[in-house]
Amino acid sequence: MERHAIVFRRTSMRMISARPLLFIAGTEAHSREFSEDAYAKAAEPKELYLIPNTGHVDLYDRTDVIPFAKLVEFFGKYLK
C-alpha cells in the first residue's frame, strides 16, 4: 500500500466525515477494499454502492455501468 493512502485513511476521514459520503466501487475492483475501509471509518450519513461484475476502470470507461441515477438520487437528497 502506498504511503499517501495510509496517511489519508488515518487522518483525512475525520476531516471529511460527517458530511454525506457516497462510495461507489465495482465488485471486482482491486480498489474495492479502500472504499470499504473508508466507509467503515466514516460517520453517517454514508452509503456504499457496489456495482456488480465491474472493475475499477469500468466505472470510468463504461458509461452503461456508471450509476447515474444513484448519483442524482444521492446529490438530490444532500445538496440543497
C-alpha atoms as a PDB file:
ATOM      1  CA  MET A   1       0.000   0.000   0.000  1.00  0.00           C
ATOM      2  CA  GLU A   2       1.297   3.426  -0.869  1.00  0.00           C
ATOM      3  CA  ARG A   3       2.174   5.757   1.972  1.00  0.00           C
ATOM      4  CA  HIS A   4      -0.275   8.511   0.928  1.00  0.00           C
ATOM      5  CA  ALA A   5      -3.152   6.015   1.080  1.00  0.00           C
ATOM      6  CA  ILE A   6      -2.212   5.076   4.641  1.00  0.00           C
ATOM      7  CA  VAL A   7      -1.966   8.721   5.702  1.00  0.00           C
ATOM      8  CA  PHE A   8      -5.324   9.527   4.101  1.00  0.00           C
ATOM      9  CA  ARG A   9      -7.065   6.630   5.785  1.00  0.00           C
ATOM     10  CA  ARG A  10      -5.776   7.576   9.212  1.00  0.00           C
ATOM     11  CA  THR A  11      -6.291  11.326   9.187  1.00  0.00           C
ATOM     12  CA  SER A  12      -8.470  12.609   6.386  1.00  0.00           C
ATOM     13  CA  MET A  13     -11.633  10.637   7.147  1.00  0.00           C
ATOM     14  CA  ARG A  14     -12.036  12.653  10.350  1.00  0.00           C
ATOM     15  CA  MET A  15     -11.853  15.863   8.310  1.00  0.00           C
ATOM     16  CA  ILE A  16     -14.415  14.928   5.647  1.00  0.00           C
ATOM     17  CA  SER A  17     -16.854  12.984   7.806  1.00  0.00           C
ATOM     18  CA  ALA A  18     -19.656  13.755   8.986  1.00  0.00           C
ATOM     19  CA  ARG A  19     -20.593  15.091   5.618  1.00  0.00           C
ATOM     20  CA  PRO A  20     -22.711  12.927   3.353  1.00  0.00           C
ATOM     21  CA  LEU A  21     -20.420  10.436   1.626  1.00  0.00           C
ATOM     22  CA  LEU A  22     -21.191   8.148  -1.282  1.00  0.00           C
ATOM     23  CA  PHE A  23     -18.628   5.443  -2.015  1.00  0.00           C
ATOM     24  CA  ILE A  24     -19.013   3.713  -5.376  1.00  0.00           C
ATOM     25  CA  ALA A  25     -16.972   0.637  -6.237  1.00  0.00           C
ATOM     26  CA  GLY A  26     -17.074  -2.276  -8.616  1.00  0.00           C
ATOM     27  CA  THR A  27     -17.418  -5.693  -7.016  1.00  0.00           C
ATOM     28  CA  GLU A  28     -14.361  -6.859  -8.980  1.00  0.00           C
ATOM     29  CA  ALA A  29     -12.282  -3.704  -8.427  1.00  0.00           C
ATOM     30  CA  HIS A  30      -8.851  -4.130  -6.900  1.00  0.00           C
ATOM     31  CA  SER A  31      -9.516  -0.855  -5.079  1.00  0.00           C
ATOM     32  CA  ARG A  32     -12.793  -2.005  -3.522  1.00  0.00           C
ATOM     33  CA  GLU A  33     -11.136  -2.604  -0.170  1.00  0.00           C
ATOM     34  CA  PHE A  34     -10.187   1.078   0.051  1.00  0.00           C
ATOM     35  CA  SER A  35     -13.819   2.109  -0.389  1.00  0.00           C
ATOM     36  CA  GLU A  36     -14.975  -0.460   2.168  1.00  0.00           C
ATOM     37  CA  ASP A  37     -12.323   0.636   4.663  1.00  0.00           C
ATOM     38  CA  ALA A  38     -13.164   4.323   4.252  1.00  0.00           C
ATOM     39  CA  TYR A  39     -16.884   3.529   4.517  1.00  0.00           C
ATOM     40  CA  ALA A  40     -16.305   1.677   7.789  1.00  0.00           C
ATOM     41  CA  LYS A  41     -14.444   4.678   9.220  1.00  0.00           C
ATOM     42  CA  ALA A  42     -16.899   7.318   8.014  1.00  0.00           C
ATOM     43  CA  ALA A  43     -19.659   8.754  10.149  1.00  0.00           C
ATOM     44  CA  GLU A  44     -23.271   8.913   8.993  1.00  0.00           C
ATOM     45  CA  PRO A  45     -24.702   9.808   6.597  1.00  0.00           C
ATOM     46  CA  LYS A  46     -22.830   7.435   4.341  1.00  0.00           C
ATOM     47  CA  GLU A  47     -23.582   4.924   1.644  1.00  0.00           C
ATOM     48  CA  LEU A  48     -21.565   2.210  -0.083  1.00  0.00           C
ATOM     49  CA  TYR A  49     -22.880   1.418  -3.558  1.00  0.00           C
ATOM     50  CA  LEU A  50     -21.362  -1.637  -5.255  1.00  0.00           C
ATOM     51  CA  ILE A  51     -21.698  -2.193  -8.997  1.00  0.00           C
ATOM     52  CA  PRO A  52     -21.848  -5.927  -9.780  1.00  0.00           C
ATOM     53  CA  ASN A  53     -19.272  -7.507 -12.094  1.00  0.00           C
ATOM     54  CA  THR A  54     -17.250  -4.344 -12.658  1.00  0.00           C
ATOM     55  CA  GLY A  55     -13.664  -3.383 -12.049  1.00  0.00           C
ATOM     56  CA  HIS A  56     -12.147  -0.038 -11.155  1.00  0.00           C
ATOM     57  CA  VAL A  57     -11.600   1.180 -14.723  1.00  0.00           C
ATOM     58  CA  ASP A  58     -15.060   0.043 -15.827  1.00  0.00           C
ATOM     59  CA  LEU A  59     -16.514   2.861 -13.768  1.00  0.00           C
ATOM     60  CA  TYR A  60     -14.564   5.371 -15.868  1.00  0.00           C
ATOM     61  CA  ASP A  61     -14.918   3.883 -19.325  1.00  0.00           C
ATOM     62  CA  ARG A  62     -18.237   2.037 -19.430  1.00  0.00           C
ATOM     63  CA  THR A  63     -20.993   4.595 -19.267  1.00  0.00           C
ATOM     64  CA  ASP A  64     -23.540   1.772 -19.287  1.00  0.00           C
ATOM     65  CA  VAL A  65     -22.482   0.764 -15.748  1.00  0.00           C
ATOM     66  CA  ILE A  66     -21.935   4.195 -14.201  1.00  0.00           C
ATOM     67  CA  PRO A  67     -24.799   4.618 -11.703  1.00  0.00           C
ATOM     68  CA  PHE A  68     -26.037   7.998 -12.896  1.00  0.00           C
ATOM     69  CA  ALA A  69     -29.449   7.507 -11.270  1.00  0.00           C
ATOM     70  CA  LYS A  70     -27.771   6.802  -7.913  1.00  0.00           C
ATOM     71  CA  LEU A  71     -25.673   9.957  -8.245  1.00  0.00           C
ATOM     72  CA  VAL A  72     -28.756  12.051  -8.998  1.00  0.00           C
ATOM     73  CA  GLU A  73     -30.610  10.496  -6.050  1.00  0.00           C
ATOM     74  CA  PHE A  74     -27.755  10.977  -3.584  1.00  0.00           C
ATOM     75  CA  PHE A  75     -26.868  14.530  -4.578  1.00  0.00           C
ATOM     76  CA  GLY A  76     -30.538  15.475  -4.857  1.00  0.00           C
ATOM     77  CA  LYS A  77     -31.005  14.368  -1.266  1.00  0.00           C
ATOM     78  CA  TYR A  78     -27.927  16.003   0.255  1.00  0.00           C
ATOM     79  CA  LEU A  79     -27.195  19.080  -1.878  1.00  0.00           C
ATOM     80  CA  LYS A  80     -29.896  21.564  -1.058  1.00  0.00           C
END
